[in-house]
Amino acid sequence: MKKEPRAVDVICQHSRDGTTIPMRVRVTDDDGQLQSYTIKGFRDLSHNGSREMPDGMYINDSTLVFECIITDFGRQRLIRLYHEQNEDIWKMTS
């Protein structure tokens, strides 16, 4: 069963060359508590044309997409962060 993407808070670094680097993500867990995670590594999948991602999200050239590694309860997890620049909202799938 596919999970719906959830809105999240993201702290990013913006370099002078225009690149965006995700640093931290904060998400509300199932109990309503805010959980913060440091992004340990990422891969930028942005600007590769319009397509459907493996998690069912449809993106275009204006969507920032990052596959990120976080540590959750001692285990590494892969998440995807999406930022549609005209909406100014970050979304996460895992």
PDB file of N, CA and C in Angstrom:
ATOM      1  N   MET A   1       0.834  -1.185   0.000  1.00  0.00           N
ATOM      2  CA  MET A   1       0.000   0.000   0.000  1.00  0.00           C
ATOM      3  C   MET A   1       0.879   1.250   0.000  1.00  0.00           C
ATOM      4  N   LYS A   2       0.621   2.155  -0.924  1.00  0.00           N
ATOM      5  CA  LYS A   2       1.412   3.367  -1.050  1.00  0.00           C
ATOM      6  C   LYS A   2       1.013   4.378   0.016  1.00  0.00           C
ATOM      7  N   LYS A   3       2.013   4.948   0.708  1.00  0.00           N
ATOM      8  CA  LYS A   3       1.753   5.993   1.688  1.00  0.00           C
ATOM      9  C   LYS A   3       1.713   7.344   0.992  1.00  0.00           C
ATOM     10  N   GLU A   4       0.834   8.203   1.440  1.00  0.00           N
ATOM     11  CA  GLU A   4       0.766   9.559   0.921  1.00  0.00           C
ATOM     12  C   GLU A   4       1.972  10.345   1.415  1.00  0.00           C
ATOM     13  N   PRO A   5       2.498  11.240   0.591  1.00  0.00           N
ATOM     14  CA  PRO A   5       3.602  12.081   1.057  1.00  0.00           C
ATOM     15  C   PRO A   5       3.123  12.999   2.176  1.00  0.00           C
ATOM     16  N   ARG A   6       4.010  13.261   3.122  1.00  0.00           N
ATOM     17  CA  ARG A   6       3.635  14.146   4.228  1.00  0.00           C
ATOM     18  C   ARG A   6       4.462  15.417   4.177  1.00  0.00           C
ATOM     19  N   ALA A   7       3.840  16.506   4.575  1.00  0.00           N
ATOM     20  CA  ALA A   7       4.540  17.792   4.626  1.00  0.00           C
ATOM     21  C   ALA A   7       5.533  17.764   5.777  1.00  0.00           C
ATOM     22  N   VAL A   8       6.731  18.286   5.526  1.00  0.00           N
ATOM     23  CA  VAL A   8       7.796  18.284   6.530  1.00  0.00           C
ATOM     24  C   VAL A   8       8.517  19.626   6.519  1.00  0.00           C
ATOM     25  N   ASP A   9       9.256  19.890   7.601  1.00  0.00           N
ATOM     26  CA  ASP A   9      10.148  21.036   7.679  1.00  0.00           C
ATOM     27  C   ASP A   9      11.528  20.572   7.231  1.00  0.00           C
ATOM     28  N   VAL A  10      12.206  21.379   6.425  1.00  0.00           N
ATOM     29  CA  VAL A  10      13.545  21.034   5.947  1.00  0.00           C
ATOM     30  C   VAL A  10      14.451  22.243   6.134  1.00  0.00           C
ATOM     31  N   ILE A  11      15.632  21.993   6.687  1.00  0.00           N
ATOM     32  CA  ILE A  11      16.673  23.016   6.763  1.00  0.00           C
ATOM     33  C   ILE A  11      17.661  22.709   5.648  1.00  0.00           C
ATOM     34  N   CYS A  12      17.937  23.730   4.827  1.00  0.00           N
ATOM     35  CA  CYS A  12      18.825  23.558   3.672  1.00  0.00           C
ATOM     36  C   CYS A  12      19.928  24.598   3.691  1.00  0.00           C
ATOM     37  N   GLN A  13      20.981  24.262   3.003  1.00  0.00           N
ATOM     38  CA  GLN A  13      22.042  25.221   2.702  1.00  0.00           C
ATOM     39  C   GLN A  13      21.883  25.585   1.232  1.00  0.00           C
ATOM     40  N   HIS A  14      21.963  26.875   0.944  1.00  0.00           N
ATOM     41  CA  HIS A  14      21.874  27.345  -0.435  1.00  0.00           C
ATOM     42  C   HIS A  14      23.228  27.929  -0.817  1.00  0.00           C
ATOM     43  N   SER A  15      23.891  27.300  -1.753  1.00  0.00           N
ATOM     44  CA  SER A  15      25.227  27.725  -2.176  1.00  0.00           C
ATOM     45  C   SER A  15      25.140  28.875  -3.163  1.00  0.00           C
ATOM     46  N   ARG A  16      26.227  29.592  -3.303  1.00  0.00           N
ATOM     47  CA  ARG A  16      26.240  30.742  -4.213  1.00  0.00           C
ATOM     48  C   ARG A  16      26.063  30.336  -5.675  1.00  0.00           C
ATOM     49  N   ASP A  17      26.334  29.061  -5.988  1.00  0.00           N
ATOM     50  CA  ASP A  17      26.131  28.601  -7.372  1.00  0.00           C
ATOM     51  C   ASP A  17      24.691  28.149  -7.625  1.00  0.00           C
ATOM     52  N   GLY A  18      23.827  28.298  -6.621  1.00  0.00           N
ATOM     53  CA  GLY A  18      22.413  27.985  -6.792  1.00  0.00           C
ATOM     54  C   GLY A  18      22.005  26.595  -6.353  1.00  0.00           C
ATOM     55  N   THR A  19      22.936  25.766  -5.913  1.00  0.00           N
ATOM     56  CA  THR A  19      22.583  24.419  -5.475  1.00  0.00           C
ATOM     57  C   THR A  19      21.954  24.457  -4.087  1.00  0.00           C
ATOM     58  N   THR A  20      21.066  23.525  -3.851  1.00  0.00           N
ATOM     59  CA  THR A  20      20.404  23.358  -2.564  1.00  0.00           C
ATOM     60  C   THR A  20      20.910  22.072  -1.946  1.00  0.00           C
ATOM     61  N   ILE A  21      21.278  22.144  -0.664  1.00  0.00           N
ATOM     62  CA  ILE A  21      21.782  20.979   0.057  1.00  0.00           C
ATOM     63  C   ILE A  21      20.896  20.760   1.276  1.00  0.00           C
ATOM     64  N   PRO A  22      20.120  19.665   1.315  1.00  0.00           N
ATOM     65  CA  PRO A  22      19.291  19.399   2.497  1.00  0.00           C
ATOM     66  C   PRO A  22      20.170  18.980   3.673  1.00  0.00           C
ATOM     67  N   MET A  23      19.923  19.575   4.839  1.00  0.00           N
ATOM     68  CA  MET A  23      20.750  19.308   6.018  1.00  0.00           C
ATOM     69  C   MET A  23      19.990  18.546   7.115  1.00  0.00           C
ATOM     70  N   ARG A  24      18.756  18.980   7.382  1.00  0.00           N
ATOM     71  CA  ARG A  24      17.944  18.362   8.437  1.00  0.00           C
ATOM     72  C   ARG A  24      16.491  18.315   7.984  1.00  0.00           C
ATOM     73  N   VAL A  25      15.771  17.342   8.520  1.00  0.00           N
ATOM     74  CA  VAL A  25      14.337  17.228   8.255  1.00  0.00           C
ATOM     75  C   VAL A  25      13.627  17.034   9.586  1.00  0.00           C
ATOM     76  N   ARG A  26      12.453  17.665   9.725  1.00  0.00           N
ATOM     77  CA  ARG A  26      11.644  17.521  10.938  1.00  0.00           C
ATOM     78  C   ARG A  26      10.248  17.088  10.521  1.00  0.00           C
ATOM     79  N   VAL A  27       9.792  16.009  11.114  1.00  0.00           N
ATOM     80  CA  VAL A  27       8.516  15.405  10.726  1.00  0.00           C
ATOM     81  C   VAL A  27       7.695  15.122  11.977  1.00  0.00           C
ATOM     82  N   THR A  28       6.392  15.213  11.854  1.00  0.00           N
ATOM     83  CA  THR A  28       5.491  14.846  12.942  1.00  0.00           C
ATOM     84  C   THR A  28       5.231  13.356  12.859  1.00  0.00           C
ATOM     85  N   ASP A  29       5.518  12.625  13.946  1.00  0.00           N
ATOM     86  CA  ASP A  29       5.334  11.171  13.934  1.00  0.00           C
ATOM     87  C   ASP A  29       3.864  10.812  14.149  1.00  0.00           C
ATOM     88  N   ASP A  30       3.575   9.522  14.196  1.00  0.00           N
ATOM     89  CA  ASP A  30       2.195   9.050  14.327  1.00  0.00           C
ATOM     90  C   ASP A  30       1.551   9.453  15.648  1.00  0.00           C
ATOM     91  N   ASP A  31       2.375   9.773  16.663  1.00  0.00           N
ATOM     92  CA  ASP A  31       1.863  10.203  17.966  1.00  0.00           C
ATOM     93  C   ASP A  31       1.722  11.717  18.068  1.00  0.00           C
ATOM     94  N   GLY A  32       2.017  12.438  16.976  1.00  0.00           N
ATOM     95  CA  GLY A  32       1.895  13.879  16.971  1.00  0.00           C
ATOM     96  C   GLY A  32       3.123  14.603  17.503  1.00  0.00           C
ATOM     97  N   GLN A  33       4.205  13.881  17.757  1.00  0.00           N
ATOM     98  CA  GLN A  33       5.437  14.474  18.269  1.00  0.00           C
ATOM     99  C   GLN A  33       6.365  14.843  17.107  1.00  0.00           C
ATOM    100  N   LEU A  34       7.058  15.974  17.237  1.00  0.00           N
ATOM    101  CA  LEU A  34       8.026  16.376  16.224  1.00  0.00           C
ATOM    102  C   LEU A  34       9.323  15.600  16.416  1.00  0.00           C
ATOM    103  N   GLN A  35       9.818  15.003  15.339  1.00  0.00           N
ATOM    104  CA  GLN A  35      11.078  14.269  15.345  1.00  0.00           C
ATOM    105  C   GLN A  35      12.002  14.926  14.328  1.00  0.00           C
ATOM    106  N   SER A  36      13.254  15.178  14.730  1.00  0.00           N
ATOM    107  CA  SER A  36      14.240  15.790  13.840  1.00  0.00           C
ATOM    108  C   SER A  36      15.315  14.781  13.482  1.00  0.00           C
ATOM    109  N   TYR A  37      15.752  14.830  12.229  1.00  0.00           N
ATOM    110  CA  TYR A  37      16.766  13.912  11.741  1.00  0.00           C
ATOM    111  C   TYR A  37      17.799  14.694  10.939  1.00  0.00           C
ATOM    112  N   THR A  38      19.061  14.380  11.178  1.00  0.00           N
ATOM    113  CA  THR A  38      20.142  14.937  10.378  1.00  0.00           C
ATOM    114  C   THR A  38      20.305  14.078   9.133  1.00  0.00           C
ATOM    115  N   ILE A  39      20.422  14.730   8.004  1.00  0.00           N
ATOM    116  CA  ILE A  39      20.608  14.004   6.744  1.00  0.00           C
ATOM    117  C   ILE A  39      22.086  13.633   6.638  1.00  0.00           C
ATOM    118  N   LYS A  40      22.352  12.335   6.586  1.00  0.00           N
ATOM    119  CA  LYS A  40      23.721  11.804   6.582  1.00  0.00           C
ATOM    120  C   LYS A  40      24.331  11.781   5.186  1.00  0.00           C
ATOM    121  N   GLY A  41      23.504  11.687   4.176  1.00  0.00           N
ATOM    122  CA  GLY A  41      23.954  11.670   2.794  1.00  0.00           C
ATOM    123  C   GLY A  41      22.756  11.879   1.891  1.00  0.00           C
ATOM    124  N   PHE A  42      23.000  12.356   0.686  1.00  0.00           N
ATOM    125  CA  PHE A  42      21.880  12.587  -0.232  1.00  0.00           C
ATOM    126  C   PHE A  42      22.359  12.468  -1.670  1.00  0.00           C
ATOM    127  N   ARG A  43      21.382  12.284  -2.538  1.00  0.00           N
ATOM    128  CA  ARG A  43      21.612  12.270  -3.976  1.00  0.00           C
ATOM    129  C   ARG A  43      20.558  13.172  -4.607  1.00  0.00           C
ATOM    130  N   ASP A  44      21.000  14.126  -5.407  1.00  0.00           N
ATOM    131  CA  ASP A  44      20.103  15.076  -6.065  1.00  0.00           C
ATOM    132  C   ASP A  44      19.566  14.445  -7.342  1.00  0.00           C
ATOM    133  N   LEU A  45      18.248  14.266  -7.424  1.00  0.00           N
ATOM    134  CA  LEU A  45      17.600  13.673  -8.598  1.00  0.00           C
ATOM    135  C   LEU A  45      16.799  14.705  -9.385  1.00  0.00           C
ATOM    136  N   SER A  46      17.064  15.976  -9.146  1.00  0.00           N
ATOM    137  CA  SER A  46      16.312  17.068  -9.759  1.00  0.00           C
ATOM    138  C   SER A  46      16.719  17.280 -11.214  1.00  0.00           C
ATOM    139  N   HIS A  47      15.846  17.962 -11.947  1.00  0.00           N
ATOM    140  CA  HIS A  47      16.113  18.465 -13.297  1.00  0.00           C
ATOM    141  C   HIS A  47      16.435  17.367 -14.308  1.00  0.00           C
ATOM    142  N   ASN A  48      15.755  16.249 -14.191  1.00  0.00           N
ATOM    143  CA  ASN A  48      15.929  15.159 -15.161  1.00  0.00           C
ATOM    144  C   ASN A  48      14.650  14.906 -15.949  1.00  0.00           C
ATOM    145  N   GLY A  49      13.817  15.925 -16.086  1.00  0.00           N
ATOM    146  CA  GLY A  49      12.599  15.797 -16.880  1.00  0.00           C
ATOM    147  C   GLY A  49      11.402  15.352 -16.065  1.00  0.00           C
ATOM    148  N   SER A  50      10.248  15.367 -16.714  1.00  0.00           N
ATOM    149  CA  SER A  50       9.006  14.939 -16.077  1.00  0.00           C
ATOM    150  C   SER A  50       8.949  13.420 -16.041  1.00  0.00           C
ATOM    151  N   ARG A  51       8.553  12.883 -14.888  1.00  0.00           N
ATOM    152  CA  ARG A  51       8.472  11.426 -14.744  1.00  0.00           C
ATOM    153  C   ARG A  51       7.770  11.070 -13.448  1.00  0.00           C
ATOM    154  N   GLU A  52       7.434   9.801 -13.327  1.00  0.00           N
ATOM    155  CA  GLU A  52       6.867   9.281 -12.088  1.00  0.00           C
ATOM    156  C   GLU A  52       7.983   8.589 -11.318  1.00  0.00           C
ATOM    157  N   MET A  53       8.090   8.923 -10.046  1.00  0.00           N
ATOM    158  CA  MET A  53       9.121   8.334  -9.195  1.00  0.00           C
ATOM    159  C   MET A  53       8.655   6.953  -8.704  1.00  0.00           C
ATOM    160  N   PRO A  54       9.575   6.112  -8.212  1.00  0.00           N
ATOM    161  CA  PRO A  54       9.199   4.774  -7.743  1.00  0.00           C
ATOM    162  C   PRO A  54       8.132   4.763  -6.638  1.00  0.00           C
ATOM    163  N   ASP A  55       8.042   5.873  -5.879  1.00  0.00           N
ATOM    164  CA  ASP A  55       7.030   5.938  -4.818  1.00  0.00           C
ATOM    165  C   ASP A  55       5.707   6.529  -5.300  1.00  0.00           C
ATOM    166  N   GLY A  56       5.574   6.747  -6.619  1.00  0.00           N
ATOM    167  CA  GLY A  56       4.317   7.215  -7.190  1.00  0.00           C
ATOM    168  C   GLY A  56       4.186   8.712  -7.338  1.00  0.00           C
ATOM    169  N   MET A  57       5.158   9.475  -6.870  1.00  0.00           N
ATOM    170  CA  MET A  57       5.114  10.934  -7.011  1.00  0.00           C
ATOM    171  C   MET A  57       5.440  11.302  -8.458  1.00  0.00           C
ATOM    172  N   TYR A  58       4.666  12.207  -9.024  1.00  0.00           N
ATOM    173  CA  TYR A  58       4.927  12.709 -10.374  1.00  0.00           C
ATOM    174  C   TYR A  58       5.675  14.030 -10.240  1.00  0.00           C
ATOM    175  N   ILE A  59       6.802  14.155 -10.928  1.00  0.00           N
ATOM    176  CA  ILE A  59       7.620  15.361 -10.822  1.00  0.00           C
ATOM    177  C   ILE A  59       7.880  15.938 -12.209  1.00  0.00           C
ATOM    178  N   ASN A  60       8.338  17.194 -12.218  1.00  0.00           N
ATOM    179  CA  ASN A  60       8.744  17.842 -13.460  1.00  0.00           C
ATOM    180  C   ASN A  60      10.078  18.545 -13.238  1.00  0.00           C
ATOM    181  N   ASP A  61      10.537  19.302 -14.231  1.00  0.00           N
ATOM    182  CA  ASP A  61      11.846  19.952 -14.143  1.00  0.00           C
ATOM    183  C   ASP A  61      11.953  20.989 -13.029  1.00  0.00           C
ATOM    184  N   SER A  62      10.834  21.524 -12.557  1.00  0.00           N
ATOM    185  CA  SER A  62      10.900  22.538 -11.495  1.00  0.00           C
ATOM    186  C   SER A  62      10.848  21.923 -10.099  1.00  0.00           C
ATOM    187  N   THR A  63      10.740  20.606 -10.004  1.00  0.00           N
ATOM    188  CA  THR A  63      10.681  19.937  -8.711  1.00  0.00           C
ATOM    189  C   THR A  63      12.084  19.588  -8.235  1.00  0.00           C
ATOM    190  N   LEU A  64      12.425  20.008  -7.016  1.00  0.00           N
ATOM    191  CA  LEU A  64      13.668  19.553  -6.397  1.00  0.00           C
ATOM    192  C   LEU A  64      13.388  18.191  -5.772  1.00  0.00           C
ATOM    193  N   VAL A  65      14.262  17.223  -6.038  1.00  0.00           N
ATOM    194  CA  VAL A  65      14.084  15.861  -5.528  1.00  0.00           C
ATOM    195  C   VAL A  65      15.409  15.391  -4.944  1.00  0.00           C
ATOM    196  N   PHE A  66      15.360  14.908  -3.716  1.00  0.00           N
ATOM    197  CA  PHE A  66      16.556  14.392  -3.057  1.00  0.00           C
ATOM    198  C   PHE A  66      16.251  13.043  -2.430  1.00  0.00           C
ATOM    199  N   GLU A  67      17.092  12.053  -2.702  1.00  0.00           N
ATOM    200  CA  GLU A  67      17.076  10.798  -1.952  1.00  0.00           C
ATOM    201  C   GLU A  67      18.065  10.989  -0.820  1.00  0.00           C
ATOM    202  N   CYS A  68      17.594  10.802   0.400  1.00  0.00           N
ATOM    203  CA  CYS A  68      18.405  11.108   1.579  1.00  0.00           C
ATOM    204  C   CYS A  68      18.502   9.902   2.505  1.00  0.00           C
ATOM    205  N   ILE A  69      19.628   9.825   3.202  1.00  0.00           N
ATOM    206  CA  ILE A  69      19.830   8.811   4.239  1.00  0.00           C
ATOM    207  C   ILE A  69      19.702   9.504   5.591  1.00  0.00           C
ATOM    208  N   ILE A  70      18.842   8.955   6.453  1.00  0.00           N
ATOM    209  CA  ILE A  70      18.730   9.414   7.833  1.00  0.00           C
ATOM    210  C   ILE A  70      18.915   8.209   8.739  1.00  0.00           C
ATOM    211  N   THR A  71      19.190   8.462  10.017  1.00  0.00           N
ATOM    212  CA  THR A  71      19.280   7.394  11.001  1.00  0.00           C
ATOM    213  C   THR A  71      18.077   7.515  11.926  1.00  0.00           C
ATOM    214  N   ASP A  72      17.307   6.433  12.030  1.00  0.00           N
ATOM    215  CA  ASP A  72      16.093   6.389  12.844  1.00  0.00           C
ATOM    216  C   ASP A  72      16.194   5.190  13.772  1.00  0.00           C
ATOM    217  N   PHE A  73      16.309   5.439  15.083  1.00  0.00           N
ATOM    218  CA  PHE A  73      16.458   4.379  16.083  1.00  0.00           C
ATOM    219  C   PHE A  73      17.615   3.443  15.747  1.00  0.00           C
ATOM    220  N   GLY A  74      18.754   4.034  15.340  1.00  0.00           N
ATOM    221  CA  GLY A  74      19.953   3.263  15.057  1.00  0.00           C
ATOM    222  C   GLY A  74      19.992   2.583  13.701  1.00  0.00           C
ATOM    223  N   ARG A  75      18.957   2.721  12.899  1.00  0.00           N
ATOM    224  CA  ARG A  75      18.911   2.103  11.569  1.00  0.00           C
ATOM    225  C   ARG A  75      18.888   3.181  10.505  1.00  0.00           C
ATOM    226  N   GLN A  76      19.637   2.938   9.434  1.00  0.00           N
ATOM    227  CA  GLN A  76      19.614   3.883   8.320  1.00  0.00           C
ATOM    228  C   GLN A  76      18.354   3.681   7.493  1.00  0.00           C
ATOM    229  N   ARG A  77      17.740   4.800   7.118  1.00  0.00           N
ATOM    230  CA  ARG A  77      16.533   4.767   6.287  1.00  0.00           C
ATOM    231  C   ARG A  77      16.729   5.668   5.084  1.00  0.00           C
ATOM    232  N   LEU A  78      16.124   5.272   3.983  1.00  0.00           N
ATOM    233  CA  LEU A  78      16.125   6.073   2.769  1.00  0.00           C
ATOM    234  C   LEU A  78      14.795   6.813   2.688  1.00  0.00           C
ATOM    235  N   ILE A  79      14.863   8.116   2.541  1.00  0.00           N
ATOM    236  CA  ILE A  79      13.659   8.927   2.347  1.00  0.00           C
ATOM    237  C   ILE A  79      13.848   9.736   1.068  1.00  0.00           C
ATOM    238  N   ARG A  80      12.752  10.231   0.524  1.00  0.00           N
ATOM    239  CA  ARG A  80      12.806  11.156  -0.605  1.00  0.00           C
ATOM    240  C   ARG A  80      12.154  12.459  -0.178  1.00  0.00           C
ATOM    241  N   LEU A  81      12.828  13.550  -0.478  1.00  0.00           N
ATOM    242  CA  LEU A  81      12.293  14.884  -0.221  1.00  0.00           C
ATOM    243  C   LEU A  81      11.957  15.534  -1.555  1.00  0.00           C
ATOM    244  N   TYR A  82      10.783  16.156  -1.612  1.00  0.00           N
ATOM    245  CA  TYR A  82      10.305  16.830  -2.816  1.00  0.00           C
ATOM    246  C   TYR A  82       9.973  18.279  -2.473  1.00  0.00           C
ATOM    247  N   HIS A  83      10.402  19.172  -3.330  1.00  0.00           N
ATOM    248  CA  HIS A  83      10.055  20.583  -3.157  1.00  0.00           C
ATOM    249  C   HIS A  83       9.604  21.133  -4.497  1.00  0.00           C
ATOM    250  N   GLU A  84       8.310  21.387  -4.593  1.00  0.00           N
ATOM    251  CA  GLU A  84       7.749  22.010  -5.797  1.00  0.00           C
ATOM    252  C   GLU A  84       7.900  23.506  -5.597  1.00  0.00           C
ATOM    253  N   GLN A  85       8.755  24.128  -6.375  1.00  0.00           N
ATOM    254  CA  GLN A  85       9.155  25.500  -6.110  1.00  0.00           C
ATOM    255  C   GLN A  85       8.009  26.506  -6.157  1.00  0.00           C
ATOM    256  N   ASN A  86       6.978  26.258  -6.940  1.00  0.00           N
ATOM    257  CA  ASN A  86       5.861  27.212  -6.977  1.00  0.00           C
ATOM    258  C   ASN A  86       4.915  27.040  -5.791  1.00  0.00           C
ATOM    259  N   GLU A  87       4.983  25.923  -5.059  1.00  0.00           N
ATOM    260  CA  GLU A  87       4.151  25.706  -3.870  1.00  0.00           C
ATOM    261  C   GLU A  87       4.867  26.113  -2.588  1.00  0.00           C
ATOM    262  N   ASP A  88       6.203  26.055  -2.588  1.00  0.00           N
ATOM    263  CA  ASP A  88       7.033  26.366  -1.429  1.00  0.00           C
ATOM    264  C   ASP A  88       6.713  25.457  -0.232  1.00  0.00           C
ATOM    265  N   ILE A  89       6.450  24.186  -0.510  1.00  0.00           N
ATOM    266  CA  ILE A  89       6.182  23.178   0.522  1.00  0.00           C
ATOM    267  C   ILE A  89       7.080  21.983   0.263  1.00  0.00           C
ATOM    268  N   TRP A  90       7.728  21.495   1.314  1.00  0.00           N
ATOM    269  CA  TRP A  90       8.519  20.269   1.233  1.00  0.00           C
ATOM    270  C   TRP A  90       7.638  19.094   1.588  1.00  0.00           C
ATOM    271  N   LYS A  91       7.787  17.988   0.855  1.00  0.00           N
ATOM    272  CA  LYS A  91       7.054  16.761   1.136  1.00  0.00           C
ATOM    273  C   LYS A  91       8.056  15.622   1.218  1.00  0.00           C
ATOM    274  N   MET A  92       7.719  14.599   2.007  1.00  0.00           N
ATOM    275  CA  MET A  92       8.605  13.463   2.206  1.00  0.00           C
ATOM    276  C   MET A  92       7.853  12.165   1.976  1.00  0.00           C
ATOM    277  N   THR A  93       8.530  11.214   1.343  1.00  0.00           N
ATOM    278  CA  THR A  93       8.042   9.835   1.279  1.00  0.00           C
ATOM    279  C   THR A  93       9.148   8.943   1.819  1.00  0.00           C
ATOM    280  N   SER A  94       8.753   7.799   2.336  1.00  0.00           N
ATOM    281  CA  SER A  94       9.756   6.873   2.875  1.00  0.00           C
ATOM    282  C   SER A  94       9.391   5.452   2.500  1.00  0.00           C
TER     283      SER A  94
END
